[in-house]
C-alpha atoms as a PDB file:
ATOM      1  CA  MET A   1      38.891  15.059  -0.411  1.00  0.00           C
ATOM      2  CA  ASP A   2      35.863  15.791   1.780  1.00  0.00           C
ATOM      3  CA  HIS A   3      35.437  13.560   4.744  1.00  0.00           C
ATOM      4  CA  PRO A   4      31.956  13.180   6.301  1.00  0.00           C
ATOM      5  CA  SER A   5      33.257  14.263   9.688  1.00  0.00           C
ATOM      6  CA  GLN A   6      34.531  17.524   8.195  1.00  0.00           C
ATOM      7  CA  ASN A   7      31.140  18.398   6.582  1.00  0.00           C
ATOM      8  CA  PRO A   8      28.451  17.321   9.048  1.00  0.00           C
ATOM      9  CA  ARG A   9      24.814  17.316   8.032  1.00  0.00           C
ATOM     10  CA  PRO A  10      22.845  20.326   9.172  1.00  0.00           C
ATOM     11  CA  ILE A  11      20.904  19.826  12.368  1.00  0.00           C
ATOM     12  CA  ARG A  12      17.186  19.469  11.787  1.00  0.00           C
ATOM     13  CA  THR A  13      14.536  20.351  14.298  1.00  0.00           C
ATOM     14  CA  LEU A  14      11.630  18.179  15.330  1.00  0.00           C
ATOM     15  CA  ARG A  15       9.331  20.455  13.364  1.00  0.00           C
ATOM     16  CA  GLN A  16      11.322  19.865  10.172  1.00  0.00           C
ATOM     17  CA  HIS A  17      11.174  16.084  10.685  1.00  0.00           C
ATOM     18  CA  PHE A  18       7.429  16.338  11.330  1.00  0.00           C
ATOM     19  CA  TRP A  19       6.717  18.387   8.168  1.00  0.00           C
ATOM     20  CA  GLU A  20       8.871  16.098   6.041  1.00  0.00           C
ATOM     21  CA  GLY A  21       6.906  13.103   7.332  1.00  0.00           C
ATOM     22  CA  ILE A  22       3.615  14.822   6.509  1.00  0.00           C
ATOM     23  CA  LYS A  23       4.829  15.671   2.989  1.00  0.00           C
ATOM     24  CA  ASN A  24       5.882  12.060   2.390  1.00  0.00           C
ATOM     25  CA  ALA A  25       2.527  10.786   3.647  1.00  0.00           C
ATOM     26  CA  GLN A  26       0.654  13.251   1.418  1.00  0.00           C
ATOM     27  CA  ARG A  27       2.480  11.998  -1.675  1.00  0.00           C
ATOM     28  CA  ARG A  28       1.361   8.428  -1.037  1.00  0.00           C
ATOM     29  CA  ARG A  29      -2.316   9.205  -0.489  1.00  0.00           C
ATOM     30  CA  PRO A  30      -4.675   8.955  -3.455  1.00  0.00           C
ATOM     31  CA  LEU A  31      -7.279  11.565  -4.343  1.00  0.00           C
ATOM     32  CA  SER A  32     -10.080   9.340  -3.078  1.00  0.00           C
ATOM     33  CA  PHE A  33      -8.699   9.655   0.460  1.00  0.00           C
ATOM     34  CA  TYR A  34      -9.380  13.386   0.429  1.00  0.00           C
ATOM     35  CA  LEU A  35     -12.744  12.913  -1.238  1.00  0.00           C
ATOM     36  CA  LEU A  36     -13.747  10.460   1.481  1.00  0.00           C
ATOM     37  CA  LEU A  37     -12.682  12.945   4.136  1.00  0.00           C
ATOM     38  CA  SER A  38     -14.760  15.667   2.515  1.00  0.00           C
ATOM     39  CA  ILE A  39     -17.994  13.625   2.292  1.00  0.00           C
ATOM     40  CA  PRO A  40     -19.124  14.326   5.899  1.00  0.00           C
ATOM     41  CA  VAL A  41     -18.333  18.016   5.475  1.00  0.00           C
ATOM     42  CA  VAL A  42     -20.339  18.223   2.249  1.00  0.00           C
ATOM     43  CA  LEU A  43     -23.253  16.361   3.805  1.00  0.00           C
ATOM     44  CA  LEU A  44     -23.235  18.710   6.798  1.00  0.00           C
ATOM     45  CA  LEU A  45     -23.221  21.686   4.452  1.00  0.00           C
ATOM     46  CA  ALA A  46     -26.093  20.138   2.477  1.00  0.00           C
ATOM     47  CA  VAL A  47     -28.366  19.822   5.522  1.00  0.00           C
ATOM     48  CA  HIS A  48     -29.809  23.280   4.908  1.00  0.00           C
ATOM     49  CA  LEU A  49     -31.030  22.093   1.483  1.00  0.00           C
ATOM     50  CA  PHE A  50     -33.559  19.783   3.083  1.00  0.00           C
ATOM     51  CA  ARG A  51     -34.763  22.485   5.453  1.00  0.00           C
ATOM     52  CA  ALA A  52     -35.317  25.073   2.698  1.00  0.00           C
ATOM     53  CA  ARG A  53     -38.363  23.574   0.994  1.00  0.00           C
ATOM     54  CA  GLU A  54     -39.954  26.896   0.101  1.00  0.00           C
ATOM     55  CA  ASP A  55     -37.791  27.528  -2.967  1.00  0.00           C
ATOM     56  CA  PRO A  56     -37.809  24.499  -5.302  1.00  0.00           C
ATOM     57  CA  HIS A  57     -35.172  26.073  -7.582  1.00  0.00           C
ATOM     58  CA  GLN A  58     -32.707  26.352  -4.711  1.00  0.00           C
ATOM     59  CA  LEU A  59     -33.456  22.763  -3.696  1.00  0.00           C
ATOM     60  CA  ALA A  60     -32.956  21.515  -7.256  1.00  0.00           C
ATOM     61  CA  LEU A  61     -29.694  23.445  -7.629  1.00  0.00           C
ATOM     62  CA  GLY A  62     -28.354  22.167  -4.287  1.00  0.00           C
ATOM     63  CA  LEU A  63     -29.322  18.575  -5.019  1.00  0.00           C
ATOM     64  CA  SER A  64     -27.791  18.706  -8.487  1.00  0.00           C
ATOM     65  CA  ILE A  65     -24.517  20.046  -7.031  1.00  0.00           C
ATOM     66  CA  LEU A  66     -24.619  17.334  -4.360  1.00  0.00           C
ATOM     67  CA  PHE A  67     -25.203  14.598  -6.950  1.00  0.00           C
ATOM     68  CA  ILE A  68     -22.389  15.939  -9.141  1.00  0.00           C
ATOM     69  CA  TYR A  69     -20.053  15.866  -6.133  1.00  0.00           C
ATOM     70  CA  LEU A  70     -21.065  12.323  -5.226  1.00  0.00           C
ATOM     71  CA  GLY A  71     -20.602  11.319  -8.883  1.00  0.00           C
ATOM     72  CA  VAL A  72     -17.059  12.704  -8.786  1.00  0.00           C
ATOM     73  CA  VAL A  73     -16.423  10.723  -5.598  1.00  0.00           C
ATOM     74  CA  LEU A  74     -17.784   7.563  -7.206  1.00  0.00           C
ATOM     75  CA  ILE A  75     -15.709   8.007 -10.364  1.00  0.00           C
ATOM     76  CA  GLY A  76     -12.595   8.693  -8.270  1.00  0.00           C
ATOM     77  CA  ALA A  77     -13.224   5.547  -6.233  1.00  0.00           C
ATOM     78  CA  LEU A  78     -13.680   3.466  -9.381  1.00  0.00           C
ATOM     79  CA  LEU A  79     -10.477   4.837 -10.898  1.00  0.00           C
ATOM     80  CA  ASP A  80      -8.573   4.054  -7.691  1.00  0.00           C
ATOM     81  CA  MET A  81     -10.038   0.547  -7.661  1.00  0.00           C
ATOM     82  CA  LEU A  82      -8.936  -0.019 -11.256  1.00  0.00           C
ATOM     83  CA  SER A  83      -5.476   1.315 -10.419  1.00  0.00           C
ATOM     84  CA  ILE A  84      -5.188  -1.065  -7.464  1.00  0.00           C
ATOM     85  CA  ILE A  85      -6.314  -4.013  -9.609  1.00  0.00           C
ATOM     86  CA  ARG A  86      -3.864  -3.065 -12.374  1.00  0.00           C
ATOM     87  CA  THR A  87      -0.995  -2.801  -9.897  1.00  0.00           C
ATOM     88  CA  SER A  88      -1.905  -6.118  -8.300  1.00  0.00           C
ATOM     89  CA  LEU A  89      -2.092  -7.925 -11.635  1.00  0.00           C
ATOM     90  CA  SER A  90       1.217  -6.497 -12.821  1.00  0.00           C
ATOM     91  CA  ALA A  91       2.887  -7.496  -9.548  1.00  0.00           C
ATOM     92  CA  ALA A  92       1.475 -11.017  -9.842  1.00  0.00           C
ATOM     93  CA  ARG A  93       2.634 -11.260 -13.466  1.00  0.00           C
ATOM     94  CA  ARG A  94       6.099  -9.969 -12.550  1.00  0.00           C
ATOM     95  CA  SER A  95       6.468 -12.442  -9.670  1.00  0.00           C
ATOM     96  CA  TYR A  96       5.372 -15.286 -11.944  1.00  0.00           C
ATOM     97  CA  LYS A  97       7.921 -14.297 -14.581  1.00  0.00           C
ATOM     98  CA  GLU A  98      10.652 -14.062 -11.943  1.00  0.00           C
ATOM     99  CA  THR A  99       9.893 -17.541 -10.590  1.00  0.00           C
ATOM    100  CA  LEU A 100       7.946 -20.099 -12.619  1.00  0.00           C
ATOM    101  CA  GLY A 101       8.246 -18.173 -15.872  1.00  0.00           C
ATOM    102  CA  ASP A 102      12.047 -18.208 -15.694  1.00  0.00           C
ATOM    103  CA  ASP A 103      13.583 -21.232 -17.426  1.00  0.00           C
ATOM    104  CA  GLU A 104      16.737 -21.165 -15.297  1.00  0.00           C
ATOM    105  CA  PHE A 105      14.684 -21.153 -12.094  1.00  0.00           C
ATOM    106  CA  LEU A 106      12.558 -24.073 -13.328  1.00  0.00           C
ATOM    107  CA  ALA A 107      15.648 -26.059 -14.303  1.00  0.00           C
ATOM    108  CA  GLU A 108      17.162 -25.478 -10.876  1.00  0.00           C
ATOM    109  CA  LEU A 109      13.865 -26.387  -9.201  1.00  0.00           C
ATOM    110  CA  ARG A 110      13.644 -29.633 -11.184  1.00  0.00           C
ATOM    111  CA  ALA A 111      17.255 -30.445 -10.355  1.00  0.00           C
ATOM    112  CA  ASN A 112      16.654 -29.851  -6.635  1.00  0.00           C
ATOM    113  CA  ARG A 113      13.492 -31.939  -6.737  1.00  0.00           C
ATOM    114  CA  SER A 114      15.179 -34.850  -8.514  1.00  0.00           C
ATOM    115  CA  THR A 115      18.110 -34.864  -6.059  1.00  0.00           C
ATOM    116  CA  SER A 116      15.763 -34.804  -3.040  1.00  0.00           C
ATOM    117  CA  GLU A 117      13.734 -37.764  -4.409  1.00  0.00           C
ATOM    118  CA  ASP A 118      16.868 -39.951  -4.766  1.00  0.00           C
END
């Protein structure tokens, strides 16, 4: 039989703890987080579009790419918002079913209320 003291866990460095924490944080972040971080970068890269007014085709192409990117950001934000609302509603429904929707809980609540009124 293996005893924990006979098989100690391997020693991990601070770097390994740090990278594991970053990986865990990355898993929890939605796509919209990265899209929001990239907005300033895209806008800085798009500054040259407004300076290059000589070629209208280049301006139209750059603006169309910029609008497509912003559309993707908007759609991602809307999908995240719907996901948050869906999660919130399911959590509220689950908590209702666990408390007031449960017949045993209501019976116990009524019994406690009737004994406290006497």
